[in-house]
Amino acid sequence: MKKMKIDPYNHKKRYLAWRESVKDGIPSISSENSRIALKYLDDMEKGLNISSVSSKGGRSYIRLNSLREKIISFSSKV
């Protein structure tokens, strides 16, 4: 039996709500950067295009939220 992980900071809920709100693109960055960022996050959710040294599988919601914030920050810099 697999043990349920506790998510006291609601990382899963926050990430899924954000993904739902940006289906048409991330408003604070350009449409091309938005397309690339969302594709990258899709890959990370599924565990695609990761280093051969890294553990296999999708990334956690904590990691996805961290990546999301960094990508938006880097993409909005001029």
N, C-alpha and C. Protein backbone atom coordinates (compact mmCIF):
# COMPACT_ATOMS: atom_id res chain seq x y z
N MET A 1 0.84 -1.18 0.00
CA MET A 1 0.00 0.00 0.00
C MET A 1 0.89 1.25 0.00
N LYS A 2 0.60 2.16 -0.91
CA LYS A 2 1.38 3.39 -1.04
C LYS A 2 0.89 4.42 -0.04
N LYS A 3 1.84 5.04 0.65
CA LYS A 3 1.51 6.04 1.66
C LYS A 3 1.26 7.39 1.00
N MET A 4 0.19 8.07 1.40
CA MET A 4 -0.13 9.40 0.88
C MET A 4 0.83 10.43 1.48
N LYS A 5 1.33 11.30 0.63
CA LYS A 5 2.19 12.37 1.12
C LYS A 5 1.31 13.54 1.54
N ILE A 6 1.69 14.16 2.64
CA ILE A 6 0.96 15.31 3.15
C ILE A 6 1.48 16.57 2.45
N ASP A 7 0.58 17.43 2.05
CA ASP A 7 0.94 18.67 1.36
C ASP A 7 0.40 19.86 2.16
N PRO A 8 1.07 20.20 3.29
CA PRO A 8 0.53 21.26 4.15
C PRO A 8 0.51 22.65 3.51
N TYR A 9 1.35 22.88 2.50
CA TYR A 9 1.41 24.20 1.88
C TYR A 9 0.64 24.27 0.57
N ASN A 10 -0.13 23.24 0.27
CA ASN A 10 -1.01 23.19 -0.90
C ASN A 10 -0.28 23.47 -2.21
N HIS A 11 0.90 22.88 -2.38
CA HIS A 11 1.65 23.08 -3.61
C HIS A 11 0.90 22.53 -4.82
N LYS A 12 0.28 21.38 -4.67
CA LYS A 12 -0.45 20.77 -5.78
C LYS A 12 -1.63 21.65 -6.18
N LYS A 13 -2.40 22.08 -5.21
CA LYS A 13 -3.57 22.92 -5.48
C LYS A 13 -3.15 24.23 -6.15
N ARG A 14 -2.09 24.86 -5.64
CA ARG A 14 -1.60 26.13 -6.20
C ARG A 14 -1.13 25.95 -7.63
N TYR A 15 -0.35 24.90 -7.88
CA TYR A 15 0.18 24.68 -9.22
C TYR A 15 -0.93 24.40 -10.21
N LEU A 16 -1.86 23.51 -9.86
CA LEU A 16 -2.95 23.16 -10.77
C LEU A 16 -3.87 24.35 -11.05
N ALA A 17 -4.11 25.17 -10.03
CA ALA A 17 -4.94 26.38 -10.23
C ALA A 17 -4.22 27.36 -11.16
N TRP A 18 -2.91 27.50 -10.99
CA TRP A 18 -2.15 28.39 -11.87
C TRP A 18 -2.17 27.87 -13.30
N ARG A 19 -1.98 26.56 -13.49
CA ARG A 19 -1.99 25.98 -14.84
C ARG A 19 -3.32 26.22 -15.52
N GLU A 20 -4.39 26.10 -14.76
CA GLU A 20 -5.73 26.32 -15.31
C GLU A 20 -5.89 27.78 -15.74
N SER A 21 -5.29 28.70 -14.98
CA SER A 21 -5.46 30.13 -15.28
C SER A 21 -4.60 30.59 -16.47
N VAL A 22 -3.59 29.81 -16.86
CA VAL A 22 -2.71 30.24 -17.95
C VAL A 22 -2.80 29.30 -19.16
N LYS A 23 -3.96 28.71 -19.36
CA LYS A 23 -4.15 27.82 -20.52
C LYS A 23 -3.87 28.55 -21.83
N ASP A 24 -4.21 29.82 -21.90
CA ASP A 24 -4.04 30.60 -23.12
C ASP A 24 -2.72 31.35 -23.16
N GLY A 25 -1.87 31.14 -22.19
CA GLY A 25 -0.57 31.80 -22.15
C GLY A 25 -0.36 32.56 -20.86
N ILE A 26 0.90 32.79 -20.54
CA ILE A 26 1.26 33.53 -19.33
C ILE A 26 1.22 35.01 -19.68
N PRO A 27 0.36 35.78 -19.02
CA PRO A 27 0.15 37.18 -19.43
C PRO A 27 1.34 38.11 -19.19
N SER A 28 2.20 37.81 -18.22
CA SER A 28 3.27 38.75 -17.88
C SER A 28 4.51 38.63 -18.75
N ILE A 29 4.54 37.67 -19.70
CA ILE A 29 5.69 37.52 -20.58
C ILE A 29 5.21 37.42 -22.03
N SER A 30 6.13 37.47 -22.97
CA SER A 30 5.77 37.43 -24.38
C SER A 30 5.13 36.09 -24.74
N SER A 31 4.38 36.06 -25.83
CA SER A 31 3.68 34.84 -26.22
C SER A 31 4.66 33.72 -26.57
N GLU A 32 5.78 34.05 -27.20
CA GLU A 32 6.78 33.02 -27.54
C GLU A 32 7.43 32.45 -26.28
N ASN A 33 7.82 33.31 -25.35
CA ASN A 33 8.38 32.84 -24.08
C ASN A 33 7.35 32.03 -23.30
N SER A 34 6.11 32.46 -23.35
CA SER A 34 5.04 31.75 -22.67
C SER A 34 4.88 30.34 -23.23
N ARG A 35 4.91 30.22 -24.54
CA ARG A 35 4.77 28.91 -25.19
C ARG A 35 5.92 27.98 -24.78
N ILE A 36 7.13 28.51 -24.79
CA ILE A 36 8.30 27.71 -24.42
C ILE A 36 8.24 27.30 -22.95
N ALA A 37 7.88 28.23 -22.08
CA ALA A 37 7.82 27.95 -20.64
C ALA A 37 6.76 26.88 -20.33
N LEU A 38 5.59 27.00 -20.95
CA LEU A 38 4.53 26.02 -20.69
C LEU A 38 4.91 24.64 -21.23
N LYS A 39 5.59 24.59 -22.36
CA LYS A 39 6.06 23.32 -22.91
C LYS A 39 7.09 22.69 -21.98
N TYR A 40 8.00 23.50 -21.46
CA TYR A 40 9.02 23.01 -20.53
C TYR A 40 8.36 22.45 -19.26
N LEU A 41 7.38 23.18 -18.72
CA LEU A 41 6.70 22.70 -17.52
C LEU A 41 5.91 21.42 -17.79
N ASP A 42 5.33 21.30 -18.99
CA ASP A 42 4.67 20.04 -19.37
C ASP A 42 5.66 18.88 -19.33
N ASP A 43 6.84 19.11 -19.89
CA ASP A 43 7.88 18.07 -19.89
C ASP A 43 8.29 17.70 -18.47
N MET A 44 8.43 18.69 -17.61
CA MET A 44 8.83 18.41 -16.23
C MET A 44 7.74 17.65 -15.47
N GLU A 45 6.48 17.96 -15.75
CA GLU A 45 5.38 17.22 -15.13
C GLU A 45 5.44 15.74 -15.48
N LYS A 46 5.81 15.46 -16.73
CA LYS A 46 5.86 14.09 -17.22
C LYS A 46 7.21 13.43 -16.98
N GLY A 47 8.22 14.21 -16.66
CA GLY A 47 9.55 13.68 -16.45
C GLY A 47 10.32 13.47 -17.74
N LEU A 48 10.02 14.24 -18.77
CA LEU A 48 10.70 14.15 -20.06
C LEU A 48 11.86 15.13 -20.13
N ASN A 49 12.84 14.81 -20.96
CA ASN A 49 13.99 15.69 -21.21
C ASN A 49 14.73 16.10 -19.94
N ILE A 50 14.90 15.13 -19.04
CA ILE A 50 15.68 15.41 -17.84
C ILE A 50 17.04 14.73 -17.98
N SER A 51 17.98 15.14 -17.20
CA SER A 51 19.32 14.59 -17.26
C SER A 51 19.31 13.09 -17.00
N SER A 52 20.24 12.37 -17.64
CA SER A 52 20.33 10.92 -17.42
C SER A 52 20.81 10.61 -16.01
N VAL A 53 21.41 11.59 -15.35
CA VAL A 53 21.90 11.42 -13.99
C VAL A 53 20.77 11.60 -12.97
N SER A 54 19.76 12.41 -13.31
CA SER A 54 18.66 12.71 -12.40
C SER A 54 17.73 11.51 -12.24
N SER A 55 16.99 11.50 -11.15
CA SER A 55 16.02 10.43 -10.94
C SER A 55 14.91 10.54 -11.98
N LYS A 56 14.40 9.41 -12.38
CA LYS A 56 13.38 9.37 -13.43
C LYS A 56 12.01 9.74 -12.86
N GLY A 57 11.12 10.13 -13.74
CA GLY A 57 9.75 10.43 -13.33
C GLY A 57 9.46 11.91 -13.28
N GLY A 58 8.18 12.21 -13.13
CA GLY A 58 7.73 13.59 -13.06
C GLY A 58 8.25 14.29 -11.82
N ARG A 59 8.32 15.58 -11.92
CA ARG A 59 8.81 16.39 -10.80
C ARG A 59 7.66 16.66 -9.82
N SER A 60 8.01 16.92 -8.58
CA SER A 60 7.01 17.19 -7.55
C SER A 60 6.37 18.55 -7.77
N TYR A 61 5.23 18.76 -7.14
CA TYR A 61 4.55 20.06 -7.28
C TYR A 61 5.37 21.18 -6.62
N ILE A 62 6.13 20.84 -5.61
CA ILE A 62 7.01 21.84 -5.00
C ILE A 62 8.03 22.32 -6.04
N ARG A 63 8.63 21.36 -6.73
CA ARG A 63 9.63 21.68 -7.75
C ARG A 63 9.00 22.42 -8.93
N LEU A 64 7.81 22.01 -9.34
CA LEU A 64 7.13 22.67 -10.45
C LEU A 64 6.81 24.12 -10.12
N ASN A 65 6.36 24.38 -8.90
CA ASN A 65 6.09 25.77 -8.49
C ASN A 65 7.37 26.60 -8.49
N SER A 66 8.46 26.01 -8.03
CA SER A 66 9.74 26.71 -8.02
C SER A 66 10.20 27.02 -9.44
N LEU A 67 10.10 26.05 -10.33
CA LEU A 67 10.48 26.26 -11.73
C LEU A 67 9.61 27.33 -12.38
N ARG A 68 8.32 27.28 -12.10
CA ARG A 68 7.38 28.25 -12.67
C ARG A 68 7.79 29.67 -12.29
N GLU A 69 8.08 29.90 -11.02
CA GLU A 69 8.45 31.23 -10.56
C GLU A 69 9.76 31.70 -11.19
N LYS A 70 10.73 30.79 -11.30
CA LYS A 70 12.02 31.16 -11.89
C LYS A 70 11.88 31.46 -13.38
N ILE A 71 11.14 30.65 -14.09
CA ILE A 71 10.98 30.85 -15.53
C ILE A 71 10.32 32.19 -15.82
N ILE A 72 9.27 32.51 -15.08
CA ILE A 72 8.58 33.78 -15.30
C ILE A 72 9.50 34.95 -14.96
N SER A 73 10.26 34.81 -13.89
CA SER A 73 11.18 35.87 -13.49
C SER A 73 12.25 36.08 -14.56
N PHE A 74 12.86 35.02 -15.05
CA PHE A 74 13.90 35.14 -16.06
C PHE A 74 13.33 35.64 -17.38
N SER A 75 12.14 35.23 -17.72
CA SER A 75 11.54 35.63 -19.00
C SER A 75 11.10 37.09 -19.02
N SER A 76 10.81 37.64 -17.85
CA SER A 76 10.35 39.03 -17.81
C SER A 76 11.49 40.02 -17.69
N LYS A 77 12.71 39.54 -17.44
CA LYS A 77 13.88 40.42 -17.38
C LYS A 77 14.20 40.94 -18.78
N VAL A 78 14.65 42.15 -18.85
CA VAL A 78 14.97 42.74 -20.17
C VAL A 78 16.44 42.67 -20.43
